[in-house]
Protein backbone atom coordinates (compact mmCIF):
# COMPACT_ATOMS: atom_id res chain seq x y z
CA MET A 1 30.97 41.45 52.91
CA ALA A 2 34.31 42.93 51.84
CA VAL A 3 33.85 45.71 54.42
CA LEU A 4 33.06 43.14 57.13
CA ALA A 5 36.12 41.21 56.16
CA ILE A 6 38.34 44.20 56.57
CA PHE A 7 36.99 45.47 59.83
CA GLY A 8 36.16 42.08 61.29
CA LEU A 9 39.64 41.49 62.72
CA PRO A 10 39.92 41.42 66.48
CA ALA A 11 41.03 44.66 68.10
CA SER A 12 44.21 43.05 69.37
CA ALA A 13 45.24 41.91 65.91
CA GLN A 14 44.63 45.37 64.45
CA SER A 15 46.63 47.15 67.15
CA LYS A 16 49.52 44.71 66.77
CA LYS A 17 49.75 45.56 63.04
CA TYR A 18 49.70 49.29 63.67
CA ASN A 19 52.24 49.01 66.48
CA ASP A 20 54.67 47.48 64.00
CA ILE A 21 54.86 50.83 62.17
CA VAL A 22 57.66 53.01 63.46
CA ALA A 23 57.22 56.78 62.96
CA ASP A 24 59.98 58.84 61.43
CA THR A 25 62.12 60.12 64.26
CA ALA A 26 64.75 62.16 62.32
CA LYS A 27 65.84 65.23 64.24
CA VAL A 28 65.08 67.92 61.73
CA HIS A 29 62.65 70.83 61.48
CA TYR A 30 59.12 69.82 62.38
CA ILE A 31 56.08 70.64 60.26
CA GLN A 32 54.30 73.81 61.22
CA ARG A 33 50.51 73.90 61.32
CA ALA A 34 48.71 76.89 59.96
CA ASP A 35 46.51 78.98 62.27
CA SER A 36 43.52 81.14 61.56
CA ASN A 37 45.74 84.01 60.42
CA ASP A 38 46.96 81.90 57.49
CA ALA A 39 43.53 80.77 56.37
CA TYR A 40 43.09 83.62 53.84
CA ILE A 41 45.77 82.24 51.50
CA PHE A 42 44.19 78.78 51.12
CA ASN A 43 42.03 78.43 47.99
CA SER A 44 39.79 75.44 47.38
CA THR A 45 39.74 76.23 43.61
CA ALA A 46 43.51 75.71 43.28
CA HIS A 47 44.61 72.81 41.13
CA GLN A 48 45.28 69.72 43.27
CA ASN A 49 47.55 66.89 42.12
CA ILE A 50 47.87 63.49 43.71
CA VAL A 51 50.73 62.14 45.79
CA TYR A 52 50.73 58.37 46.38
CA VAL A 53 52.11 57.12 49.71
CA ASN A 54 52.85 53.85 51.50
CA GLU A 55 54.03 53.24 55.07
CA GLN A 56 57.16 51.47 53.75
CA VAL A 57 58.16 54.39 51.53
CA THR A 58 59.32 57.89 52.48
CA THR A 59 57.90 60.37 49.99
CA HIS A 60 59.98 63.53 49.39
CA ILE A 61 58.12 66.56 48.08
CA ILE A 62 60.41 69.12 46.43
CA MET A 63 59.31 72.72 46.03
CA PRO A 64 61.08 74.91 43.32
CA GLU A 65 61.62 77.64 45.99
CA ASN A 66 62.17 77.75 49.73
CA ILE A 67 59.22 76.52 51.79
CA LYS A 68 57.77 78.93 54.38
CA LEU A 69 54.92 76.73 55.75
CA VAL A 70 53.45 73.27 55.35
CA ASP A 71 49.93 72.32 56.46
CA ILE A 72 48.87 68.70 56.84
CA SER A 73 45.09 68.35 57.09
CA THR A 74 44.91 65.09 59.06
CA GLU A 75 46.87 63.01 61.56
CA SER A 76 46.86 60.14 59.05
CA ILE A 77 50.00 61.73 57.52
CA ILE A 78 53.25 62.36 59.44
CA GLY A 79 56.27 64.20 58.13
CA ASN A 80 58.91 66.87 58.58
CA GLN A 81 60.79 69.47 56.63
CA CYS A 82 64.33 68.13 55.97
CA GLU A 83 65.63 70.86 53.77
CA ASP A 84 64.74 74.47 52.93
CA ASN A 85 62.71 73.30 49.92
CA ILE A 86 62.02 69.60 50.76
CA VAL A 87 59.31 67.98 52.89
CA ARG A 88 59.15 64.31 53.52
CA ILE A 89 55.96 62.42 54.46
CA LYS A 90 54.56 58.98 55.30
CA PRO A 91 51.15 57.63 56.23
CA ALA A 92 50.81 57.21 60.00
CA GLY A 93 49.53 53.68 59.56
CA ARG A 94 48.10 51.08 57.09
CA MET A 95 45.03 52.08 55.20
CA CYS A 96 42.78 50.72 52.48
CA ASP A 97 44.13 50.69 48.95
CA HIS A 98 43.50 54.03 47.27
CA GLU A 99 42.05 55.53 50.45
CA HIS A 100 42.21 59.31 50.69
CA ALA A 101 44.68 60.00 53.52
CA GLY A 102 44.24 63.81 53.53
CA SER A 103 45.60 66.85 51.81
CA ILE A 104 48.82 68.88 52.05
CA THR A 105 49.31 72.59 51.37
CA VAL A 106 52.89 73.67 50.67
CA ILE A 107 53.52 77.44 50.86
CA GLY A 108 56.70 78.77 49.29
CA GLU A 109 58.13 82.24 49.08
CA ARG A 110 55.82 83.29 46.24
CA HIS A 111 53.66 80.16 45.41
CA ILE A 112 51.20 77.81 46.97
CA ALA A 113 50.66 74.14 45.98
CA GLN A 114 47.97 71.76 47.28
CA PHE A 115 47.90 67.98 46.95
CA ASN A 116 45.54 65.09 47.70
CA VAL A 117 47.44 62.25 49.44
CA ILE A 118 46.31 58.76 48.39
CA TYR A 119 47.41 55.58 50.16
CA VAL A 120 48.45 52.66 47.90
CA LYS A 121 48.78 49.09 49.12
CA ARG A 122 51.90 48.24 47.00
CA PRO A 123 55.02 50.18 47.99
CA SER A 124 56.18 50.18 44.34
CA LYS A 125 53.21 52.39 43.43
CA ALA A 126 54.14 55.09 45.97
CA ASN A 127 55.98 58.24 45.02
CA THR A 128 59.50 58.36 46.45
CA ILE A 129 60.24 61.80 44.98
CA TYR A 130 57.56 64.25 43.91
CA ASN A 131 58.76 67.43 42.18
CA ILE A 132 56.29 70.32 42.38
CA ASP A 133 55.94 71.96 38.94
CA ILE A 134 55.63 75.74 39.15
CA ALA A 135 52.77 75.47 36.67
CA ASP A 136 50.77 73.54 39.31
CA CYS A 137 51.20 76.30 41.92
CA LYS A 138 49.11 79.34 42.65
CA ARG A 139 51.03 82.59 42.97
CA TYR A 140 50.39 84.87 45.96
CA VAL A 141 51.75 88.24 47.14
CA ASN A 142 54.10 87.78 50.13
CA PRO A 143 55.12 91.17 51.56
CA ASP A 144 58.01 89.56 53.43
CA VAL A 145 59.71 88.23 50.27
CA SER A 146 60.57 90.81 47.60
CA MET A 147 62.86 88.32 45.76
CA PRO A 148 62.89 84.54 46.22
CA LYS A 149 66.26 82.95 47.11
CA ALA A 150 66.18 80.89 43.90
CA ASP A 151 66.17 84.14 41.89
CA MET A 152 68.96 85.58 44.02
CA ALA A 153 71.04 82.43 43.27
CA ARG A 154 70.45 82.73 39.49
CA TYR A 155 71.44 86.38 39.44
CA ALA A 156 74.46 85.83 41.68
CA TRP A 157 75.74 82.93 39.48
CA ALA A 158 75.32 85.04 36.36
CA ILE A 159 77.07 88.03 37.89
CA SER A 160 80.04 85.89 39.00
CA THR A 161 80.79 85.11 35.34
CA LEU A 162 80.85 88.76 34.16
CA PRO A 163 84.15 90.70 33.60
CA ARG A 164 85.31 93.10 36.28
CA ARG A 165 84.24 96.75 36.00
CA PHE A 166 85.73 98.18 39.20
CA ASN A 167 89.49 98.68 39.24
CA ASN A 168 89.86 101.02 42.26
CA LEU A 169 88.48 98.76 45.05
CA ARG A 170 91.48 96.73 46.01
CA TYR A 171 93.39 95.63 49.10
CA TYR A 172 96.74 93.77 49.45
CA LYS A 173 98.31 92.28 52.54
CA ASP A 174 100.39 89.20 53.44
CA GLY A 175 100.42 87.84 49.93
CA ILE A 176 96.61 88.10 49.53
CA ARG A 177 94.99 90.53 47.07
CA ALA A 178 91.30 91.36 47.46
CA ALA A 179 89.24 93.25 44.92
CA VAL A 180 85.60 94.16 44.21
CA ASN A 181 84.71 93.15 40.67
CA ASN A 182 81.17 94.52 40.27
CA ILE A 183 78.28 96.02 42.24
CA TYR A 184 74.76 95.55 40.86
CA SER A 185 71.42 96.82 42.01
CA ILE A 186 68.49 94.48 41.40
CA GLY A 187 65.17 95.10 43.00
CA ASP A 188 65.58 95.86 46.68
CA TYR A 189 69.10 94.39 46.89
CA PHE A 190 72.75 95.08 46.12
CA PHE A 191 74.91 92.28 44.64
CA ILE A 192 78.56 92.78 45.59
CA ASP A 193 80.89 90.59 43.52
CA PHE A 194 84.49 90.24 44.90
CA SER A 195 87.57 88.08 44.39
CA LEU A 196 90.58 86.98 46.48
CA TYR A 197 93.98 86.06 44.97
CA ASN A 198 96.57 84.18 47.02
CA LYS A 199 100.14 84.76 45.91
CA SER A 200 101.61 82.91 48.84
CA ASN A 201 102.18 79.17 49.10
CA ILE A 202 99.93 78.85 52.11
CA PRO A 203 96.22 78.05 51.46
CA TYR A 204 93.76 80.54 52.85
CA ASN A 205 91.12 79.19 55.27
CA ILE A 206 88.15 81.53 55.54
CA ASN A 207 86.74 81.87 59.03
CA GLU A 208 84.04 84.45 58.34
CA ILE A 209 83.05 87.20 55.96
CA ARG A 210 81.59 90.28 57.64
CA VAL A 211 80.13 93.47 56.20
CA LYS A 212 80.44 96.63 58.37
CA LEU A 213 79.28 100.19 58.06
CA SER A 214 81.50 102.50 60.09
CA ASP A 215 82.87 106.06 60.35
CA LYS A 216 85.73 106.91 58.02
CA ARG A 217 87.66 108.67 60.78
CA GLU A 218 87.67 107.28 64.25
CA THR A 219 89.14 109.49 67.01
CA LYS A 220 89.20 109.23 70.78
CA SER A 221 87.22 112.45 71.12
CA THR A 222 84.25 111.21 69.09
CA ASN A 223 81.92 108.34 69.52
CA SER A 224 82.31 106.16 66.49
CA GLN A 225 79.57 103.76 65.59
CA THR A 226 79.96 100.56 63.65
CA ILE A 227 76.94 98.71 62.30
CA GLU A 228 77.29 95.11 61.09
CA LEU A 229 75.18 94.10 58.18
CA THR A 230 74.03 90.52 57.59
CA PRO A 231 74.04 89.37 53.95
CA VAL A 232 70.70 88.11 52.74
CA TYR A 233 72.39 85.51 50.48
CA VAL A 234 75.94 84.28 49.98
CA LEU A 235 76.72 82.46 46.71
CA ASN A 236 79.96 80.64 47.53
CA GLN A 237 80.01 78.59 50.70
CA SER A 238 83.56 77.34 50.25
CA LYS A 239 85.83 77.97 53.25
CA ARG A 240 89.28 77.21 51.72
CA PHE A 241 91.15 78.13 48.56
CA LYS A 242 94.70 77.84 47.34
CA LYS A 243 95.04 80.53 44.64
CA ALA A 244 91.78 82.16 43.64
CA TYR A 245 88.33 82.67 45.16
CA ARG A 246 85.22 84.54 43.97
CA ASN A 247 81.96 85.19 45.77
CA VAL A 248 78.82 87.32 45.48
CA LEU A 249 77.12 88.80 48.60
CA VAL A 250 73.53 90.04 48.50
CA LEU A 251 72.66 92.93 50.84
CA ASP A 252 69.51 94.83 51.46
CA ARG A 253 69.60 98.03 49.50
CA LEU A 254 70.92 100.83 51.72
CA THR A 255 72.06 104.40 51.70
CA PHE A 256 74.61 106.02 53.99
CA PRO A 257 76.30 109.46 54.32
CA ASP A 258 79.66 110.33 52.85
CA GLU A 259 81.33 110.21 56.28
CA LYS A 260 80.56 106.48 56.52
CA ILE A 261 82.22 103.67 54.65
CA LEU A 262 81.14 100.11 53.80
CA THR A 263 83.81 97.48 54.49
CA LEU A 264 84.07 93.78 53.58
CA GLU A 265 86.14 91.99 56.22
CA ILE A 266 87.45 88.50 55.43
CA SER A 267 89.31 86.76 58.30
CA GLU A 268 91.32 83.58 58.31
CA ASN A 269 90.53 80.56 60.48
CA GLN A 270 93.85 80.52 62.42
CA ILE A 271 95.20 82.09 65.60
CA SER A 272 97.59 84.27 63.62
CA GLY A 273 95.15 84.52 60.71
CA ARG A 274 95.38 87.00 57.91
CA VAL A 275 92.56 89.63 57.83
CA LEU A 276 91.60 91.37 54.63
CA TYR A 277 89.57 94.63 54.27
CA ILE A 278 87.86 95.94 51.14
CA PRO A 279 86.58 99.55 51.69
CA ILE A 280 83.58 100.56 49.54
CA GLU A 281 82.73 104.32 49.30
CA TYR A 282 79.15 105.49 48.92
CA SER A 283 80.08 106.87 45.48
CA ASP A 284 80.95 103.31 44.40
CA ILE A 285 77.48 102.15 45.60
CA LEU A 286 75.88 104.96 43.58
CA ASN A 287 77.70 103.57 40.47
CA ALA A 288 76.03 100.14 40.90
CA ASP A 289 74.67 98.86 37.62
CA GLY A 290 70.93 98.50 37.19
CA PHE A 291 69.16 96.16 34.78
CA ASP A 292 66.06 96.64 32.71
CA SER A 293 63.53 93.78 32.59
CA ARG A 294 64.87 92.24 29.38
CA PHE A 295 68.48 92.19 30.58
CA MET A 296 67.38 90.70 33.92
CA LYS A 297 65.58 87.91 32.11
CA ARG A 298 68.68 87.17 29.98
CA LEU A 299 70.91 87.32 33.07
CA ALA A 300 68.71 84.83 34.98
CA ASP A 301 68.50 82.45 32.02
CA PRO A 302 71.62 82.76 29.78
CA GLN A 303 70.30 80.00 27.50
């Protein structure tokens, strides 16, 4: 009888209720659906927790690392990816209390998490924020990610607190002194730690930071080649400083011949902007510090 009472409503009444629900229309990254090529990483034996949802509540699922792919099993759930590591979801319509709405698979840089989504009638019972515990994830080998961005951030923050080892990599112009503090080699990446010191009374507005690999000597009779390198990660996103500035750039590990030089170019966001150059010789790259596993663990977690 209860089932008849639920489904005994006229079709017009049911459609009116469902038409009252407005889908999330935020203009952000849309959810990607997995195709057959991704099927091999899904595992039905993986631990599945429960996320409770309601159409009046937006549920935010937070992954401890950047999200590469999200798969929603049914059209009963709608959502989008609003940040690199956050997905937000809602049920597409009203459902029965504690009805199974479907499942969600969240794939990060190195881990996979799967959840059952359960509809609850009372909005107060729905999850507004659900933090994924790394212990509830299944680890997988991702050949495209040798180091997660979260690990890069931890290493970069720790490196930015270390005392300077390099004293020869300096540049001074227009009241601004630039210097490389340290160069570290971790995994497949170089971490270049540098500082800027402003001795003038005019604040420095950073337009962009570029990394270039070019010939040491450029003449008209030879064809010089400059290659611009894109940092994999940049620690400090600040664009303005008054007196002091420190940042760590993460680059893919590289080698280059002695006739080439690596240059950090920092330009100011003005028409007559000041431009700073920090040249880095290959011999300086070869002197980059490397860490053993115990030191890396202590560096990532100083506590």
